[in-house]
């Protein structure tokens, strides 16, 4: 299996390096492996869907 770095994934998917790091930490990218301080992401993995809230409305914990 071939792997790519966070920088390569960010260029391929059109998102920032920090966003790719967050996706790895959250476990949203399958089969990514951390070696010390570096992440190895499989080259055949698709970009995960963006699950962040964009409407401005909170779904959980809105107790007003």
PDB file of N, CA and C in Angstrom:
ATOM      1  N   UNK A   1       0.840  -1.173   0.000  1.00  0.00           N
ATOM      2  CA  UNK A   1       0.000   0.000   0.000  1.00  0.00           C
ATOM      3  C   UNK A   1       0.886   1.237   0.000  1.00  0.00           C
ATOM      4  N   UNK A   2       0.542   2.204  -0.825  1.00  0.00           N
ATOM      5  CA  UNK A   2       1.309   3.438  -0.898  1.00  0.00           C
ATOM      6  C   UNK A   2       0.661   4.508  -0.037  1.00  0.00           C
ATOM      7  N   UNK A   3       1.488   5.376   0.515  1.00  0.00           N
ATOM      8  CA  UNK A   3       1.008   6.419   1.414  1.00  0.00           C
ATOM      9  C   UNK A   3       1.429   7.789   0.919  1.00  0.00           C
ATOM     10  N   UNK A   4       0.689   8.814   1.369  1.00  0.00           N
ATOM     11  CA  UNK A   4       1.040  10.193   1.074  1.00  0.00           C
ATOM     12  C   UNK A   4       1.104  10.969   2.388  1.00  0.00           C
ATOM     13  N   UNK A   5       1.766  12.114   2.349  1.00  0.00           N
ATOM     14  CA  UNK A   5       1.893  12.949   3.537  1.00  0.00           C
ATOM     15  C   UNK A   5       0.671  13.857   3.668  1.00  0.00           C
ATOM     16  N   UNK A   6       0.616  14.561   4.775  1.00  0.00           N
ATOM     17  CA  UNK A   6      -0.475  15.512   4.987  1.00  0.00           C
ATOM     18  C   UNK A   6      -0.431  16.616   3.933  1.00  0.00           C
ATOM     19  N   UNK A   7       0.761  17.076   3.581  1.00  0.00           N
ATOM     20  CA  UNK A   7       0.903  18.126   2.584  1.00  0.00           C
ATOM     21  C   UNK A   7       0.367  17.668   1.226  1.00  0.00           C
ATOM     22  N   UNK A   8       0.698  16.442   0.845  1.00  0.00           N
ATOM     23  CA  UNK A   8       0.218  15.907  -0.429  1.00  0.00           C
ATOM     24  C   UNK A   8      -1.296  15.736  -0.426  1.00  0.00           C
ATOM     25  N   UNK A   9      -1.848  15.288   0.696  1.00  0.00           N
ATOM     26  CA  UNK A   9      -3.300  15.120   0.799  1.00  0.00           C
ATOM     27  C   UNK A   9      -4.009  16.469   0.730  1.00  0.00           C
ATOM     28  N   UNK A  10      -3.444  17.491   1.368  1.00  0.00           N
ATOM     29  CA  UNK A  10      -4.085  18.801   1.346  1.00  0.00           C
ATOM     30  C   UNK A  10      -4.099  19.391  -0.064  1.00  0.00           C
ATOM     31  N   UNK A  11      -3.028  19.185  -0.823  1.00  0.00           N
ATOM     32  CA  UNK A  11      -3.003  19.657  -2.210  1.00  0.00           C
ATOM     33  C   UNK A  11      -3.972  18.864  -3.079  1.00  0.00           C
ATOM     34  N   UNK A  12      -4.041  17.560  -2.868  1.00  0.00           N
ATOM     35  CA  UNK A  12      -4.915  16.696  -3.651  1.00  0.00           C
ATOM     36  C   UNK A  12      -6.388  17.015  -3.405  1.00  0.00           C
ATOM     37  N   UNK A  13      -6.752  17.273  -2.144  1.00  0.00           N
ATOM     38  CA  UNK A  13      -8.150  17.490  -1.766  1.00  0.00           C
ATOM     39  C   UNK A  13      -8.549  18.954  -1.743  1.00  0.00           C
ATOM     40  N   UNK A  14      -7.610  19.878  -1.829  1.00  0.00           N
ATOM     41  CA  UNK A  14      -7.926  21.298  -1.844  1.00  0.00           C
ATOM     42  C   UNK A  14      -8.339  21.855  -0.490  1.00  0.00           C
ATOM     43  N   UNK A  15      -7.774  21.307   0.586  1.00  0.00           N
ATOM     44  CA  UNK A  15      -8.035  21.808   1.935  1.00  0.00           C
ATOM     45  C   UNK A  15      -6.697  22.068   2.620  1.00  0.00           C
ATOM     46  N   UNK A  16      -6.740  22.698   3.794  1.00  0.00           N
ATOM     47  CA  UNK A  16      -5.500  23.051   4.479  1.00  0.00           C
ATOM     48  C   UNK A  16      -4.867  21.830   5.151  1.00  0.00           C
ATOM     49  N   UNK A  17      -3.580  21.959   5.431  1.00  0.00           N
ATOM     50  CA  UNK A  17      -2.856  20.895   6.136  1.00  0.00           C
ATOM     51  C   UNK A  17      -3.449  20.660   7.519  1.00  0.00           C
ATOM     52  N   UNK A  18      -3.801  21.736   8.192  1.00  0.00           N
ATOM     53  CA  UNK A  18      -4.368  21.609   9.538  1.00  0.00           C
ATOM     54  C   UNK A  18      -5.685  20.847   9.515  1.00  0.00           C
ATOM     55  N   UNK A  19      -6.509  21.069   8.492  1.00  0.00           N
ATOM     56  CA  UNK A  19      -7.784  20.347   8.386  1.00  0.00           C
ATOM     57  C   UNK A  19      -7.535  18.852   8.184  1.00  0.00           C
ATOM     58  N   UNK A  20      -6.535  18.496   7.394  1.00  0.00           N
ATOM     59  CA  UNK A  20      -6.194  17.087   7.190  1.00  0.00           C
ATOM     60  C   UNK A  20      -5.725  16.471   8.506  1.00  0.00           C
ATOM     61  N   UNK A  21      -4.936  17.209   9.297  1.00  0.00           N
ATOM     62  CA  UNK A  21      -4.500  16.719  10.603  1.00  0.00           C
ATOM     63  C   UNK A  21      -5.695  16.440  11.508  1.00  0.00           C
ATOM     64  N   UNK A  22      -6.648  17.353  11.533  1.00  0.00           N
ATOM     65  CA  UNK A  22      -7.841  17.183  12.368  1.00  0.00           C
ATOM     66  C   UNK A  22      -8.628  15.953  11.919  1.00  0.00           C
ATOM     67  N   UNK A  23      -8.758  15.748  10.625  1.00  0.00           N
ATOM     68  CA  UNK A  23      -9.470  14.573  10.111  1.00  0.00           C
ATOM     69  C   UNK A  23      -8.768  13.283  10.528  1.00  0.00           C
ATOM     70  N   UNK A  24      -7.446  13.286  10.538  1.00  0.00           N
ATOM     71  CA  UNK A  24      -6.691  12.108  10.975  1.00  0.00           C
ATOM     72  C   UNK A  24      -6.902  11.849  12.459  1.00  0.00           C
ATOM     73  N   UNK A  25      -6.822  12.893  13.270  1.00  0.00           N
ATOM     74  CA  UNK A  25      -6.983  12.745  14.717  1.00  0.00           C
ATOM     75  C   UNK A  25      -8.381  12.248  15.056  1.00  0.00           C
ATOM     76  N   UNK A  26      -9.394  12.753  14.344  1.00  0.00           N
ATOM     77  CA  UNK A  26     -10.775  12.356  14.602  1.00  0.00           C
ATOM     78  C   UNK A  26     -11.097  10.961  14.069  1.00  0.00           C
ATOM     79  N   UNK A  27     -10.186  10.367  13.303  1.00  0.00           N
ATOM     80  CA  UNK A  27     -10.424   9.036  12.761  1.00  0.00           C
ATOM     81  C   UNK A  27     -11.330   9.036  11.550  1.00  0.00           C
ATOM     82  N   UNK A  28     -11.461  10.172  10.876  1.00  0.00           N
ATOM     83  CA  UNK A  28     -12.345  10.291   9.718  1.00  0.00           C
ATOM     84  C   UNK A  28     -11.688   9.787   8.438  1.00  0.00           C
ATOM     85  N   UNK A  29     -10.361   9.628   8.447  1.00  0.00           N
ATOM     86  CA  UNK A  29      -9.650   9.077   7.288  1.00  0.00           C
ATOM     87  C   UNK A  29      -9.270   7.645   7.636  1.00  0.00           C
ATOM     88  N   UNK A  30      -9.836   6.672   6.935  1.00  0.00           N
ATOM     89  CA  UNK A  30      -9.563   5.274   7.275  1.00  0.00           C
ATOM     90  C   UNK A  30      -8.124   4.865   6.949  1.00  0.00           C
ATOM     91  N   UNK A  31      -7.584   4.012   7.792  1.00  0.00           N
ATOM     92  CA  UNK A  31      -6.262   3.403   7.610  1.00  0.00           C
ATOM     93  C   UNK A  31      -5.098   4.392   7.629  1.00  0.00           C
ATOM     94  N   UNK A  32      -5.284   5.590   8.187  1.00  0.00           N
ATOM     95  CA  UNK A  32      -4.129   6.483   8.305  1.00  0.00           C
ATOM     96  C   UNK A  32      -3.331   6.078   9.545  1.00  0.00           C
ATOM     97  N   UNK A  33      -2.023   6.219   9.448  1.00  0.00           N
ATOM     98  CA  UNK A  33      -1.124   5.742  10.490  1.00  0.00           C
ATOM     99  C   UNK A  33      -0.244   6.911  10.932  1.00  0.00           C
ATOM    100  N   UNK A  34       0.000   6.987  12.227  1.00  0.00           N
ATOM    101  CA  UNK A  34       0.874   8.038  12.751  1.00  0.00           C
ATOM    102  C   UNK A  34       2.228   7.433  13.101  1.00  0.00           C
ATOM    103  N   UNK A  35       3.283   8.031  12.532  1.00  0.00           N
ATOM    104  CA  UNK A  35       4.655   7.634  12.819  1.00  0.00           C
ATOM    105  C   UNK A  35       5.326   8.794  13.539  1.00  0.00           C
ATOM    106  N   UNK A  36       5.403   8.730  14.847  1.00  0.00           N
ATOM    107  CA  UNK A  36       5.978   9.829  15.609  1.00  0.00           C
ATOM    108  C   UNK A  36       5.102  11.063  15.500  1.00  0.00           C
ATOM    109  N   UNK A  37       5.592  12.066  14.774  1.00  0.00           N
ATOM    110  CA  UNK A  37       4.817  13.298  14.574  1.00  0.00           C
ATOM    111  C   UNK A  37       4.226  13.393  13.178  1.00  0.00           C
ATOM    112  N   UNK A  38       4.458  12.404  12.325  1.00  0.00           N
ATOM    113  CA  UNK A  38       4.004  12.427  10.936  1.00  0.00           C
ATOM    114  C   UNK A  38       2.841  11.464  10.721  1.00  0.00           C
ATOM    115  N   UNK A  39       1.934  11.834   9.825  1.00  0.00           N
ATOM    116  CA  UNK A  39       0.827  10.957   9.447  1.00  0.00           C
ATOM    117  C   UNK A  39       1.102  10.376   8.069  1.00  0.00           C
ATOM    118  N   UNK A  40       0.729   9.117   7.883  1.00  0.00           N
ATOM    119  CA  UNK A  40       0.804   8.453   6.589  1.00  0.00           C
ATOM    120  C   UNK A  40      -0.630   8.129   6.169  1.00  0.00           C
ATOM    121  N   UNK A  41      -1.056   8.696   5.042  1.00  0.00           N
ATOM    122  CA  UNK A  41      -2.422   8.546   4.553  1.00  0.00           C
ATOM    123  C   UNK A  41      -2.382   7.718   3.281  1.00  0.00           C
ATOM    124  N   UNK A  42      -3.194   6.657   3.184  1.00  0.00           N
ATOM    125  CA  UNK A  42      -3.204   5.857   1.954  1.00  0.00           C
ATOM    126  C   UNK A  42      -3.572   6.712   0.735  1.00  0.00           C
ATOM    127  N   UNK A  43      -2.914   6.465  -0.383  1.00  0.00           N
ATOM    128  CA  UNK A  43      -3.136   7.282  -1.577  1.00  0.00           C
ATOM    129  C   UNK A  43      -4.497   7.035  -2.221  1.00  0.00           C
ATOM    130  N   UNK A  44      -5.111   5.872  -1.974  1.00  0.00           N
ATOM    131  CA  UNK A  44      -6.382   5.553  -2.615  1.00  0.00           C
ATOM    132  C   UNK A  44      -7.606   5.969  -1.801  1.00  0.00           C
ATOM    133  N   UNK A  45      -7.407   6.699  -0.698  1.00  0.00           N
ATOM    134  CA  UNK A  45      -8.515   7.123   0.158  1.00  0.00           C
ATOM    135  C   UNK A  45      -9.188   8.356  -0.438  1.00  0.00           C
ATOM    136  N   UNK A  46     -10.532   8.350  -0.421  1.00  0.00           N
ATOM    137  CA  UNK A  46     -11.310   9.502  -0.875  1.00  0.00           C
ATOM    138  C   UNK A  46     -11.348  10.574   0.203  1.00  0.00           C
ATOM    139  N   UNK A  47     -11.555  11.812  -0.189  1.00  0.00           N
ATOM    140  CA  UNK A  47     -11.696  12.907   0.775  1.00  0.00           C
ATOM    141  C   UNK A  47     -12.993  12.691   1.561  1.00  0.00           C
ATOM    142  N   UNK A  48     -12.925  12.746   2.910  1.00  0.00           N
ATOM    143  CA  UNK A  48     -14.137  12.558   3.699  1.00  0.00           C
ATOM    144  C   UNK A  48     -15.096  13.739   3.532  1.00  0.00           C
ATOM    145  N   UNK A  49     -16.391  13.461   3.708  1.00  0.00           N
ATOM    146  CA  UNK A  49     -17.393  14.518   3.640  1.00  0.00           C
ATOM    147  C   UNK A  49     -17.199  15.483   4.800  1.00  0.00           C
ATOM    148  N   UNK A  50     -17.549  16.732   4.569  1.00  0.00           N
ATOM    149  CA  UNK A  50     -17.415  17.763   5.593  1.00  0.00           C
ATOM    150  C   UNK A  50     -18.626  17.682   6.517  1.00  0.00           C
ATOM    151  N   UNK A  51     -18.401  17.279   7.775  1.00  0.00           N
ATOM    152  CA  UNK A  51     -19.489  17.095   8.726  1.00  0.00           C
ATOM    153  C   UNK A  51     -19.666  18.291   9.647  1.00  0.00           C
ATOM    154  N   UNK A  52     -18.951  19.388   9.359  1.00  0.00           N
ATOM    155  CA  UNK A  52     -19.079  20.572  10.202  1.00  0.00           C
ATOM    156  C   UNK A  52     -20.415  21.261   9.943  1.00  0.00           C
ATOM    157  N   UNK A  53     -20.927  21.966  10.953  1.00  0.00           N
ATOM    158  CA  UNK A  53     -22.198  22.683  10.840  1.00  0.00           C
ATOM    159  C   UNK A  53     -21.961  23.978  10.085  1.00  0.00           C
ATOM    160  N   UNK A  54     -22.711  24.178   9.004  1.00  0.00           N
ATOM    161  CA  UNK A  54     -22.533  25.378   8.200  1.00  0.00           C
ATOM    162  C   UNK A  54     -23.718  26.329   8.297  1.00  0.00           C
ATOM    163  N   UNK A  55     -24.836  25.870   8.871  1.00  0.00           N
ATOM    164  CA  UNK A  55     -26.030  26.702   8.942  1.00  0.00           C
ATOM    165  C   UNK A  55     -25.974  27.719  10.066  1.00  0.00           C
ATOM    166  N   UNK A  56     -25.055  27.536  11.009  1.00  0.00           N
ATOM    167  CA  UNK A  56     -24.967  28.430  12.150  1.00  0.00           C
ATOM    168  C   UNK A  56     -25.832  27.982  13.306  1.00  0.00           C
ATOM    169  N   UNK A  57     -26.580  26.898  13.131  1.00  0.00           N
ATOM    170  CA  UNK A  57     -27.444  26.391  14.179  1.00  0.00           C
ATOM    171  C   UNK A  57     -26.776  25.192  14.839  1.00  0.00           C
ATOM    172  N   UNK A  58     -26.805  25.171  16.147  1.00  0.00           N
ATOM    173  CA  UNK A  58     -26.243  24.048  16.872  1.00  0.00           C
ATOM    174  C   UNK A  58     -27.265  22.932  16.946  1.00  0.00           C
ATOM    175  N   UNK A  59     -26.830  21.727  16.675  1.00  0.00           N
ATOM    176  CA  UNK A  59     -27.738  20.583  16.697  1.00  0.00           C
ATOM    177  C   UNK A  59     -27.819  20.008  18.110  1.00  0.00           C
ATOM    178  N   UNK A  60     -26.683  19.838  18.750  1.00  0.00           N
ATOM    179  CA  UNK A  60     -26.647  19.269  20.094  1.00  0.00           C
ATOM    180  C   UNK A  60     -26.319  20.363  21.098  1.00  0.00           C
ATOM    181  N   UNK A  61     -26.922  20.258  22.264  1.00  0.00           N
ATOM    182  CA  UNK A  61     -26.572  21.141  23.370  1.00  0.00           C
ATOM    183  C   UNK A  61     -27.156  22.536  23.292  1.00  0.00           C
ATOM    184  N   UNK A  62     -28.150  22.776  22.430  1.00  0.00           N
ATOM    185  CA  UNK A  62     -28.769  24.092  22.360  1.00  0.00           C
ATOM    186  C   UNK A  62     -29.862  24.170  23.429  1.00  0.00           C
ATOM    187  N   UNK A  63     -29.468  24.616  24.607  1.00  0.00           N
ATOM    188  CA  UNK A  63     -30.381  24.634  25.746  1.00  0.00           C
ATOM    189  C   UNK A  63     -30.679  26.065  26.154  1.00  0.00           C
ATOM    190  N   UNK A  64     -31.401  26.758  25.364  1.00  0.00           N
ATOM    191  CA  UNK A  64     -31.729  28.157  25.682  1.00  0.00           C
ATOM    192  C   UNK A  64     -33.083  28.279  26.277  1.00  0.00           C
TER     193      UNK A  64
END
